[in-house]
Amino acid sequence: MKIHRSLFGGGGNAVENRKLLNFWARFTISVAQSVVFLALLYLLFFAEVRDTSRDFLNVLLGAFVAGNSKSIDYWFKDKKDAEHSEGKK
């Protein structure tokens, strides 16, 4: 029996499908977070913004730096994740 495995799940066993869908969800969230971060940088340094809004942009940028560091840690830090060992016996 030949099992068709697609890029977004739908083939194979349920554990592998869930791992693949979790990857794509995390990837999409990371890309969206990076796009918002770049938009905030653009607004802060290149757009005409009132002084009161500039203070708010600084606060938002600080929050996104913390969020991006968590996202970078997820993708590049070595970790022992229970999800990776799931299904192995």
PDB file of N, CA and C in Angstrom:
ATOM      1  N   MET A   1       0.842  -1.170   0.000  1.00  0.00           N
ATOM      2  CA  MET A   1       0.000   0.000   0.000  1.00  0.00           C
ATOM      3  C   MET A   1       0.894   1.243   0.000  1.00  0.00           C
ATOM      4  N   LYS A   2       0.668   2.143  -0.931  1.00  0.00           N
ATOM      5  CA  LYS A   2       1.444   3.370  -1.024  1.00  0.00           C
ATOM      6  C   LYS A   2       0.699   4.495  -0.303  1.00  0.00           C
ATOM      7  N   ILE A   3       1.390   5.177   0.619  1.00  0.00           N
ATOM      8  CA  ILE A   3       0.788   6.273   1.385  1.00  0.00           C
ATOM      9  C   ILE A   3       1.290   7.581   0.806  1.00  0.00           C
ATOM     10  N   HIS A   4       0.361   8.436   0.413  1.00  0.00           N
ATOM     11  CA  HIS A   4       0.710   9.749  -0.122  1.00  0.00           C
ATOM     12  C   HIS A   4       0.868  10.714   1.047  1.00  0.00           C
ATOM     13  N   ARG A   5       2.050  11.289   1.184  1.00  0.00           N
ATOM     14  CA  ARG A   5       2.305  12.273   2.243  1.00  0.00           C
ATOM     15  C   ARG A   5       2.379  13.655   1.605  1.00  0.00           C
ATOM     16  N   SER A   6       1.518  14.522   2.073  1.00  0.00           N
ATOM     17  CA  SER A   6       1.515  15.869   1.524  1.00  0.00           C
ATOM     18  C   SER A   6       2.275  16.808   2.439  1.00  0.00           C
ATOM     19  N   LEU A   7       2.514  18.004   1.964  1.00  0.00           N
ATOM     20  CA  LEU A   7       3.262  19.006   2.709  1.00  0.00           C
ATOM     21  C   LEU A   7       2.495  19.519   3.923  1.00  0.00           C
ATOM     22  N   PHE A   8       1.176  19.485   3.866  1.00  0.00           N
ATOM     23  CA  PHE A   8       0.352  20.023   4.945  1.00  0.00           C
ATOM     24  C   PHE A   8      -0.379  18.939   5.731  1.00  0.00           C
ATOM     25  N   GLY A   9       0.083  17.728   5.696  1.00  0.00           N
ATOM     26  CA  GLY A   9      -0.572  16.648   6.416  1.00  0.00           C
ATOM     27  C   GLY A   9      -1.566  15.943   5.509  1.00  0.00           C
ATOM     28  N   GLY A  10      -2.362  15.073   6.082  1.00  0.00           N
ATOM     29  CA  GLY A  10      -3.382  14.389   5.300  1.00  0.00           C
ATOM     30  C   GLY A  10      -2.976  12.993   4.884  1.00  0.00           C
ATOM     31  N   GLY A  11      -1.718  12.644   5.046  1.00  0.00           N
ATOM     32  CA  GLY A  11      -1.254  11.303   4.744  1.00  0.00           C
ATOM     33  C   GLY A  11      -0.457  10.791   5.925  1.00  0.00           C
ATOM     34  N   GLY A  12      -0.264   9.517   5.984  1.00  0.00           N
ATOM     35  CA  GLY A  12       0.517   8.979   7.091  1.00  0.00           C
ATOM     36  C   GLY A  12      -0.322   8.819   8.342  1.00  0.00           C
ATOM     37  N   ASN A  13       0.341   8.716   9.472  1.00  0.00           N
ATOM     38  CA  ASN A  13      -0.405   8.507  10.721  1.00  0.00           C
ATOM     39  C   ASN A  13      -0.763   9.833  11.371  1.00  0.00           C
ATOM     40  N   ALA A  14      -1.587   9.760  12.395  1.00  0.00           N
ATOM     41  CA  ALA A  14      -2.122  10.969  13.024  1.00  0.00           C
ATOM     42  C   ALA A  14      -1.049  11.780  13.740  1.00  0.00           C
ATOM     43  N   VAL A  15      -0.077  11.110  14.349  1.00  0.00           N
ATOM     44  CA  VAL A  15       0.981  11.826  15.076  1.00  0.00           C
ATOM     45  C   VAL A  15       1.825  12.642  14.108  1.00  0.00           C
ATOM     46  N   GLU A  16       2.198  12.057  12.984  1.00  0.00           N
ATOM     47  CA  GLU A  16       2.991  12.782  11.980  1.00  0.00           C
ATOM     48  C   GLU A  16       2.198  13.938  11.391  1.00  0.00           C
ATOM     49  N   ASN A  17       0.914  13.731  11.147  1.00  0.00           N
ATOM     50  CA  ASN A  17       0.080  14.830  10.626  1.00  0.00           C
ATOM     51  C   ASN A  17       0.018  15.985  11.609  1.00  0.00           C
ATOM     52  N   ARG A  18      -0.147  15.684  12.892  1.00  0.00           N
ATOM     53  CA  ARG A  18      -0.217  16.732  13.898  1.00  0.00           C
ATOM     54  C   ARG A  18       1.106  17.467  14.016  1.00  0.00           C
ATOM     55  N   LYS A  19       2.218  16.744  13.948  1.00  0.00           N
ATOM     56  CA  LYS A  19       3.538  17.387  13.995  1.00  0.00           C
ATOM     57  C   LYS A  19       3.716  18.331  12.814  1.00  0.00           C
ATOM     58  N   LEU A  20       3.288  17.888  11.642  1.00  0.00           N
ATOM     59  CA  LEU A  20       3.427  18.712  10.441  1.00  0.00           C
ATOM     60  C   LEU A  20       2.541  19.954  10.515  1.00  0.00           C
ATOM     61  N   LEU A  21       1.312  19.779  10.968  1.00  0.00           N
ATOM     62  CA  LEU A  21       0.417  20.932  11.095  1.00  0.00           C
ATOM     63  C   LEU A  21       0.906  21.891  12.177  1.00  0.00           C
ATOM     64  N   ASN A  22       1.456  21.372  13.273  1.00  0.00           N
ATOM     65  CA  ASN A  22       2.042  22.238  14.306  1.00  0.00           C
ATOM     66  C   ASN A  22       3.214  23.036  13.750  1.00  0.00           C
ATOM     67  N   PHE A  23       4.044  22.396  12.917  1.00  0.00           N
ATOM     68  CA  PHE A  23       5.154  23.110  12.298  1.00  0.00           C
ATOM     69  C   PHE A  23       4.644  24.275  11.461  1.00  0.00           C
ATOM     70  N   TRP A  24       3.653  24.026  10.613  1.00  0.00           N
ATOM     71  CA  TRP A  24       3.153  25.088   9.740  1.00  0.00           C
ATOM     72  C   TRP A  24       2.474  26.194  10.529  1.00  0.00           C
ATOM     73  N   ALA A  25       1.785  25.849  11.613  1.00  0.00           N
ATOM     74  CA  ALA A  25       1.160  26.876  12.454  1.00  0.00           C
ATOM     75  C   ALA A  25       2.238  27.744  13.098  1.00  0.00           C
ATOM     76  N   ARG A  26       3.279  27.132  13.654  1.00  0.00           N
ATOM     77  CA  ARG A  26       4.360  27.896  14.281  1.00  0.00           C
ATOM     78  C   ARG A  26       5.110  28.728  13.257  1.00  0.00           C
ATOM     79  N   PHE A  27       5.320  28.184  12.067  1.00  0.00           N
ATOM     80  CA  PHE A  27       5.995  28.913  11.012  1.00  0.00           C
ATOM     81  C   PHE A  27       5.185  30.137  10.591  1.00  0.00           C
ATOM     82  N   THR A  28       3.877  29.970  10.433  1.00  0.00           N
ATOM     83  CA  THR A  28       3.008  31.072  10.031  1.00  0.00           C
ATOM     84  C   THR A  28       2.990  32.162  11.099  1.00  0.00           C
ATOM     85  N   ILE A  29       2.899  31.778  12.359  1.00  0.00           N
ATOM     86  CA  ILE A  29       2.909  32.756  13.440  1.00  0.00           C
ATOM     87  C   ILE A  29       4.241  33.500  13.484  1.00  0.00           C
ATOM     88  N   SER A  30       5.342  32.793  13.282  1.00  0.00           N
ATOM     89  CA  SER A  30       6.662  33.436  13.293  1.00  0.00           C
ATOM     90  C   SER A  30       6.815  34.428  12.141  1.00  0.00           C
ATOM     91  N   VAL A  31       6.328  34.059  10.961  1.00  0.00           N
ATOM     92  CA  VAL A  31       6.411  34.967   9.811  1.00  0.00           C
ATOM     93  C   VAL A  31       5.542  36.197  10.049  1.00  0.00           C
ATOM     94  N   ALA A  32       4.335  36.005  10.548  1.00  0.00           N
ATOM     95  CA  ALA A  32       3.446  37.143  10.822  1.00  0.00           C
ATOM     96  C   ALA A  32       4.050  38.064  11.875  1.00  0.00           C
ATOM     97  N   GLN A  33       4.646  37.485  12.902  1.00  0.00           N
ATOM     98  CA  GLN A  33       5.274  38.281  13.956  1.00  0.00           C
ATOM     99  C   GLN A  33       6.451  39.077  13.395  1.00  0.00           C
ATOM    100  N   SER A  34       7.232  38.490  12.517  1.00  0.00           N
ATOM    101  CA  SER A  34       8.361  39.195  11.919  1.00  0.00           C
ATOM    102  C   SER A  34       7.901  40.316  10.994  1.00  0.00           C
ATOM    103  N   VAL A  35       6.815  40.101  10.265  1.00  0.00           N
ATOM    104  CA  VAL A  35       6.280  41.140   9.380  1.00  0.00           C
ATOM    105  C   VAL A  35       5.781  42.333  10.203  1.00  0.00           C
ATOM    106  N   VAL A  36       5.099  42.071  11.300  1.00  0.00           N
ATOM    107  CA  VAL A  36       4.622  43.158  12.157  1.00  0.00           C
ATOM    108  C   VAL A  36       5.813  43.904  12.770  1.00  0.00           C
ATOM    109  N   PHE A  37       6.844  43.173  13.174  1.00  0.00           N
ATOM    110  CA  PHE A  37       8.043  43.797  13.725  1.00  0.00           C
ATOM    111  C   PHE A  37       8.706  44.718  12.706  1.00  0.00           C
ATOM    112  N   LEU A  38       8.826  44.263  11.465  1.00  0.00           N
ATOM    113  CA  LEU A  38       9.417  45.095  10.413  1.00  0.00           C
ATOM    114  C   LEU A  38       8.544  46.315  10.115  1.00  0.00           C
ATOM    115  N   ALA A  39       7.220  46.148  10.176  1.00  0.00           N
ATOM    116  CA  ALA A  39       6.321  47.281   9.968  1.00  0.00           C
ATOM    117  C   ALA A  39       6.495  48.318  11.080  1.00  0.00           C
ATOM    118  N   LEU A  40       6.660  47.847  12.316  1.00  0.00           N
ATOM    119  CA  LEU A  40       6.894  48.782  13.424  1.00  0.00           C
ATOM    120  C   LEU A  40       8.218  49.524  13.257  1.00  0.00           C
ATOM    121  N   LEU A  41       9.247  48.820  12.809  1.00  0.00           N
ATOM    122  CA  LEU A  41      10.526  49.477  12.550  1.00  0.00           C
ATOM    123  C   LEU A  41      10.389  50.540  11.470  1.00  0.00           C
ATOM    124  N   TYR A  42       9.651  50.217  10.410  1.00  0.00           N
ATOM    125  CA  TYR A  42       9.432  51.186   9.340  1.00  0.00           C
ATOM    126  C   TYR A  42       8.711  52.424   9.871  1.00  0.00           C
ATOM    127  N   LEU A  43       7.643  52.198  10.637  1.00  0.00           N
ATOM    128  CA  LEU A  43       6.893  53.330  11.187  1.00  0.00           C
ATOM    129  C   LEU A  43       7.749  54.182  12.108  1.00  0.00           C
ATOM    130  N   LEU A  44       8.610  53.547  12.884  1.00  0.00           N
ATOM    131  CA  LEU A  44       9.413  54.277  13.850  1.00  0.00           C
ATOM    132  C   LEU A  44      10.496  55.121  13.184  1.00  0.00           C
ATOM    133  N   PHE A  45      11.134  54.569  12.152  1.00  0.00           N
ATOM    134  CA  PHE A  45      12.295  55.252  11.574  1.00  0.00           C
ATOM    135  C   PHE A  45      12.044  55.970  10.258  1.00  0.00           C
ATOM    136  N   PHE A  46      11.038  55.597   9.490  1.00  0.00           N
ATOM    137  CA  PHE A  46      10.893  56.162   8.147  1.00  0.00           C
ATOM    138  C   PHE A  46       9.586  56.894   7.906  1.00  0.00           C
ATOM    139  N   ALA A  47       8.586  56.717   8.755  1.00  0.00           N
ATOM    140  CA  ALA A  47       7.284  57.341   8.520  1.00  0.00           C
ATOM    141  C   ALA A  47       7.132  58.596   9.391  1.00  0.00           C
ATOM    142  N   GLU A  48       6.279  59.482   8.937  1.00  0.00           N
ATOM    143  CA  GLU A  48       5.945  60.676   9.714  1.00  0.00           C
ATOM    144  C   GLU A  48       4.952  60.267  10.794  1.00  0.00           C
ATOM    145  N   VAL A  49       5.369  60.354  12.064  1.00  0.00           N
ATOM    146  CA  VAL A  49       4.525  59.940  13.181  1.00  0.00           C
ATOM    147  C   VAL A  49       4.567  61.036  14.241  1.00  0.00           C
ATOM    148  N   ARG A  50       3.416  61.305  14.845  1.00  0.00           N
ATOM    149  CA  ARG A  50       3.371  62.304  15.915  1.00  0.00           C
ATOM    150  C   ARG A  50       4.205  61.828  17.105  1.00  0.00           C
ATOM    151  N   ASP A  51       4.643  62.766  17.926  1.00  0.00           N
ATOM    152  CA  ASP A  51       5.500  62.429  19.068  1.00  0.00           C
ATOM    153  C   ASP A  51       4.809  61.492  20.056  1.00  0.00           C
ATOM    154  N   THR A  52       3.528  61.706  20.300  1.00  0.00           N
ATOM    155  CA  THR A  52       2.820  60.827  21.238  1.00  0.00           C
ATOM    156  C   THR A  52       2.709  59.412  20.673  1.00  0.00           C
ATOM    157  N   SER A  53       2.513  59.310  19.389  1.00  0.00           N
ATOM    158  CA  SER A  53       2.453  57.986  18.757  1.00  0.00           C
ATOM    159  C   SER A  53       3.830  57.342  18.713  1.00  0.00           C
ATOM    160  N   ARG A  54       4.865  58.139  18.598  1.00  0.00           N
ATOM    161  CA  ARG A  54       6.232  57.611  18.577  1.00  0.00           C
ATOM    162  C   ARG A  54       6.566  56.921  19.901  1.00  0.00           C
ATOM    163  N   ASP A  55       6.100  57.486  21.010  1.00  0.00           N
ATOM    164  CA  ASP A  55       6.298  56.839  22.309  1.00  0.00           C
ATOM    165  C   ASP A  55       5.596  55.484  22.357  1.00  0.00           C
ATOM    166  N   PHE A  56       4.386  55.451  21.842  1.00  0.00           N
ATOM    167  CA  PHE A  56       3.636  54.195  21.796  1.00  0.00           C
ATOM    168  C   PHE A  56       4.342  53.176  20.895  1.00  0.00           C
ATOM    169  N   LEU A  57       4.879  53.629  19.776  1.00  0.00           N
ATOM    170  CA  LEU A  57       5.621  52.726  18.883  1.00  0.00           C
ATOM    171  C   LEU A  57       6.864  52.158  19.573  1.00  0.00           C
ATOM    172  N   ASN A  58       7.532  52.967  20.374  1.00  0.00           N
ATOM    173  CA  ASN A  58       8.689  52.471  21.123  1.00  0.00           C
ATOM    174  C   ASN A  58       8.299  51.362  22.092  1.00  0.00           C
ATOM    175  N   VAL A  59       7.173  51.535  22.751  1.00  0.00           N
ATOM    176  CA  VAL A  59       6.699  50.502  23.681  1.00  0.00           C
ATOM    177  C   VAL A  59       6.342  49.224  22.911  1.00  0.00           C
ATOM    178  N   LEU A  60       5.628  49.373  21.801  1.00  0.00           N
ATOM    179  CA  LEU A  60       5.273  48.202  20.986  1.00  0.00           C
ATOM    180  C   LEU A  60       6.512  47.497  20.443  1.00  0.00           C
ATOM    181  N   LEU A  61       7.476  48.272  20.027  1.00  0.00           N
ATOM    182  CA  LEU A  61       8.706  47.687  19.504  1.00  0.00           C
ATOM    183  C   LEU A  61       9.433  46.892  20.590  1.00  0.00           C
ATOM    184  N   GLY A  62       9.466  47.406  21.799  1.00  0.00           N
ATOM    185  CA  GLY A  62      10.073  46.677  22.907  1.00  0.00           C
ATOM    186  C   GLY A  62       9.364  45.364  23.182  1.00  0.00           C
ATOM    187  N   ALA A  63       8.039  45.377  23.097  1.00  0.00           N
ATOM    188  CA  ALA A  63       7.275  44.145  23.306  1.00  0.00           C
ATOM    189  C   ALA A  63       7.561  43.137  22.194  1.00  0.00           C
ATOM    190  N   PHE A  64       7.680  43.609  20.973  1.00  0.00           N
ATOM    191  CA  PHE A  64       7.942  42.694  19.872  1.00  0.00           C
ATOM    192  C   PHE A  64       9.364  42.162  19.886  1.00  0.00           C
ATOM    193  N   VAL A  65      10.305  42.899  20.436  1.00  0.00           N
ATOM    194  CA  VAL A  65      11.668  42.377  20.581  1.00  0.00           C
ATOM    195  C   VAL A  65      11.641  41.160  21.506  1.00  0.00           C
ATOM    196  N   ALA A  66      10.899  41.250  22.598  1.00  0.00           N
ATOM    197  CA  ALA A  66      10.780  40.110  23.513  1.00  0.00           C
ATOM    198  C   ALA A  66      10.087  38.936  22.823  1.00  0.00           C
ATOM    199  N   GLY A  67       9.048  39.220  22.075  1.00  0.00           N
ATOM    200  CA  GLY A  67       8.344  38.148  21.353  1.00  0.00           C
ATOM    201  C   GLY A  67       9.203  37.506  20.286  1.00  0.00           C
ATOM    202  N   ASN A  68       9.957  38.334  19.563  1.00  0.00           N
ATOM    203  CA  ASN A  68      10.837  37.784  18.529  1.00  0.00           C
ATOM    204  C   ASN A  68      11.960  36.956  19.137  1.00  0.00           C
ATOM    205  N   SER A  69      12.434  37.330  20.309  1.00  0.00           N
ATOM    206  CA  SER A  69      13.490  36.527  20.929  1.00  0.00           C
ATOM    207  C   SER A  69      12.961  35.148  21.309  1.00  0.00           C
ATOM    208  N   LYS A  70      11.712  35.072  21.752  1.00  0.00           N
ATOM    209  CA  LYS A  70      11.105  33.769  22.043  1.00  0.00           C
ATOM    210  C   LYS A  70      10.948  32.948  20.767  1.00  0.00           C
ATOM    211  N   SER A  71      10.551  33.595  19.700  1.00  0.00           N
ATOM    212  CA  SER A  71      10.396  32.902  18.429  1.00  0.00           C
ATOM    213  C   SER A  71      11.743  32.397  17.903  1.00  0.00           C
ATOM    214  N   ILE A  72      12.770  33.214  18.016  1.00  0.00           N
ATOM    215  CA  ILE A  72      14.111  32.807  17.583  1.00  0.00           C
ATOM    216  C   ILE A  72      14.627  31.666  18.449  1.00  0.00           C
ATOM    217  N   ASP A  73      14.372  31.733  19.755  1.00  0.00           N
ATOM    218  CA  ASP A  73      14.748  30.626  20.635  1.00  0.00           C
ATOM    219  C   ASP A  73      14.073  29.331  20.214  1.00  0.00           C
ATOM    220  N   TYR A  74      12.808  29.401  19.836  1.00  0.00           N
ATOM    221  CA  TYR A  74      12.105  28.185  19.428  1.00  0.00           C
ATOM    222  C   TYR A  74      12.769  27.567  18.197  1.00  0.00           C
ATOM    223  N   TRP A  75      13.097  28.392  17.221  1.00  0.00           N
ATOM    224  CA  TRP A  75      13.605  27.852  15.957  1.00  0.00           C
ATOM    225  C   TRP A  75      15.074  27.445  16.033  1.00  0.00           C
ATOM    226  N   PHE A  76      15.888  28.116  16.823  1.00  0.00           N
ATOM    227  CA  PHE A  76      17.322  27.886  16.751  1.00  0.00           C
ATOM    228  C   PHE A  76      17.959  27.312  18.011  1.00  0.00           C
ATOM    229  N   LYS A  77      17.248  27.232  19.112  1.00  0.00           N
ATOM    230  CA  LYS A  77      17.823  26.722  20.345  1.00  0.00           C
ATOM    231  C   LYS A  77      17.646  25.203  20.404  1.00  0.00           C
ATOM    232  N   ASP A  78      18.688  24.502  20.815  1.00  0.00           N
ATOM    233  CA  ASP A  78      18.573  23.058  20.999  1.00  0.00           C
ATOM    234  C   ASP A  78      17.686  22.800  22.203  1.00  0.00           C
ATOM    235  N   LYS A  79      16.756  21.896  22.023  1.00  0.00           N
ATOM    236  CA  LYS A  79      15.827  21.619  23.106  1.00  0.00           C
ATOM    237  C   LYS A  79      15.384  20.167  23.051  1.00  0.00           C
ATOM    238  N   LYS A  80      14.908  19.698  24.156  1.00  0.00           N
ATOM    239  CA  LYS A  80      14.306  18.379  24.200  1.00  0.00           C
ATOM    240  C   LYS A  80      12.808  18.604  24.282  1.00  0.00           C
ATOM    241  N   ASP A  81      12.136  18.372  23.189  1.00  0.00           N
ATOM    242  CA  ASP A  81      10.719  18.605  23.090  1.00  0.00           C
ATOM    243  C   ASP A  81       9.976  17.269  23.145  1.00  0.00           C
ATOM    244  N   ALA A  82       8.966  17.187  23.974  1.00  0.00           N
ATOM    245  CA  ALA A  82       8.208  15.942  24.097  1.00  0.00           C
ATOM    246  C   ALA A  82       7.550  15.571  22.777  1.00  0.00           C
ATOM    247  N   GLU A  83       7.240  16.564  21.948  1.00  0.00           N
ATOM    248  CA  GLU A  83       6.596  16.289  20.671  1.00  0.00           C
ATOM    249  C   GLU A  83       7.515  15.519  19.726  1.00  0.00           C
ATOM    250  N   HIS A  84       8.817  15.786  19.794  1.00  0.00           N
ATOM    251  CA  HIS A  84       9.742  15.109  18.886  1.00  0.00           C
ATOM    252  C   HIS A  84       9.933  13.647  19.248  1.00  0.00           C
ATOM    253  N   SER A  85       9.805  13.312  20.522  1.00  0.00           N
ATOM    254  CA  SER A  85       9.988  11.928  20.941  1.00  0.00           C
ATOM    255  C   SER A  85       8.665  11.159  20.936  1.00  0.00           C
ATOM    256  N   GLU A  86       7.544  11.856  20.681  1.00  0.00           N
ATOM    257  CA  GLU A  86       6.258  11.197  20.679  1.00  0.00           C
ATOM    258  C   GLU A  86       6.167  10.213  19.509  1.00  0.00           C
ATOM    259  N   GLY A  87       5.620   9.095  19.759  1.00  0.00           N
ATOM    260  CA  GLY A  87       5.455   8.095  18.707  1.00  0.00           C
ATOM    261  C   GLY A  87       6.648   7.171  18.583  1.00  0.00           C
ATOM    262  N   LYS A  88       7.760   7.478  19.204  1.00  0.00           N
ATOM    263  CA  LYS A  88       8.948   6.619  19.187  1.00  0.00           C
ATOM    264  C   LYS A  88       8.891   5.704  20.391  1.00  0.00           C
ATOM    265  N   LYS A  89       9.183   4.474  20.189  1.00  0.00           N
ATOM    266  CA  LYS A  89       9.178   3.525  21.296  1.00  0.00           C
ATOM    267  C   LYS A  89      10.432   2.731  21.327  1.00  0.00           C
TER     268      LYS A  89
END
